[in-house]
Amino acid sequence: MSFLEEMFGLDGKTAIVAGGAGVIGTVMSKALLMAGANVVIWSRTQASIDQALEQLKALAQDPERMKGMQVDTAIEKEVAEALAASAAALGSPEILINAVGGNIGKAPFVETEMDQFELVLKLNLIAGLMVPTKVIAAYWIENKIKGSIINLTSMASYNPLSGVWAYDAAKSGVLNLTTGAANEFAAYGIRVNAIAPGFFLGKQNRALLVDQQTGEYTERGNAVIAHTPFGRFGNAEELMGATLFLASNQASGFVTGTSIPVDGGYLAHNI
């Protein structure tokens, strides 16, 4: 076994990627598969699962190393059932990636629709962290498994983004709960960390950042680029290294309670 395989290899490990059918979740799943892990993708729709598995199938010499399960991670009973099915199919998971999340709409503070606000909070905090973490951490504690949880924070976890108030509140909450859970679970050998992607073009934000008629950056897109020292949007594959680092006990066994920005310097911006 080479040094890199020993440090970052995940042979024999099983990972659950909640929200694994999204752009970022799929790339993180790809990294885990290429490092040797078994991967179970959780998503709310079978169509999204099928699409993600189709993208990933060429990476796994053994197709049995990949599974997809339809589950609403906001519902505790569904998560518990999916966990049992995942463990039965590919062995007890040792890695959980909480990649469920996203935003809906943009408005001035006083025009915020509260139903929509609550929906975004539920998507990012309840489905995107609390329920899967509660269920899987309890399973790990009971079975004495020293697992690794990787949450998805955001630039909004550090500095609010204008007009997306629920997303700001939710992602600052994800950062706070990552730190708090890391402290509580450390006694059981469970690590809790996060990755904070900068601006990556995906299904949810593409129209906000790029004019769909001209292909030019929108006003908001230009503002993001002006605030990013690298002067570009990120490529989703640039999240792979941080994913493997935090997933590997060998590489990051003494790392917990941290959030790693992968942002092209966005948070380092100054004038």
Foldseek 3Di string as FASTA:
>chain_A
DDPCLVQQADALAEEEEEVLLFPLNLLQQLLNVLSHAQYEYEEQDPVSVVVSLVVRVVSHPDSLSYHYDHAQLLDLVRLLVVQVVSCVSRHHHQEYEQPFADADFFDAPVPDDVVRLVVRLSRCARSRPDRNCVNSLVVCLVVLRQHEYEGEAEPLLPPNDHGGVSNSVNRVVVLVVQLVVQVVCVVSNHAGEYEYEAAADTPRCPVVAAPPVPRHGDPVVVVSLVLAVQSDHDYSNLCSVVSSQRRGCSNQVPDHSYYHYPHNCNVVGDD
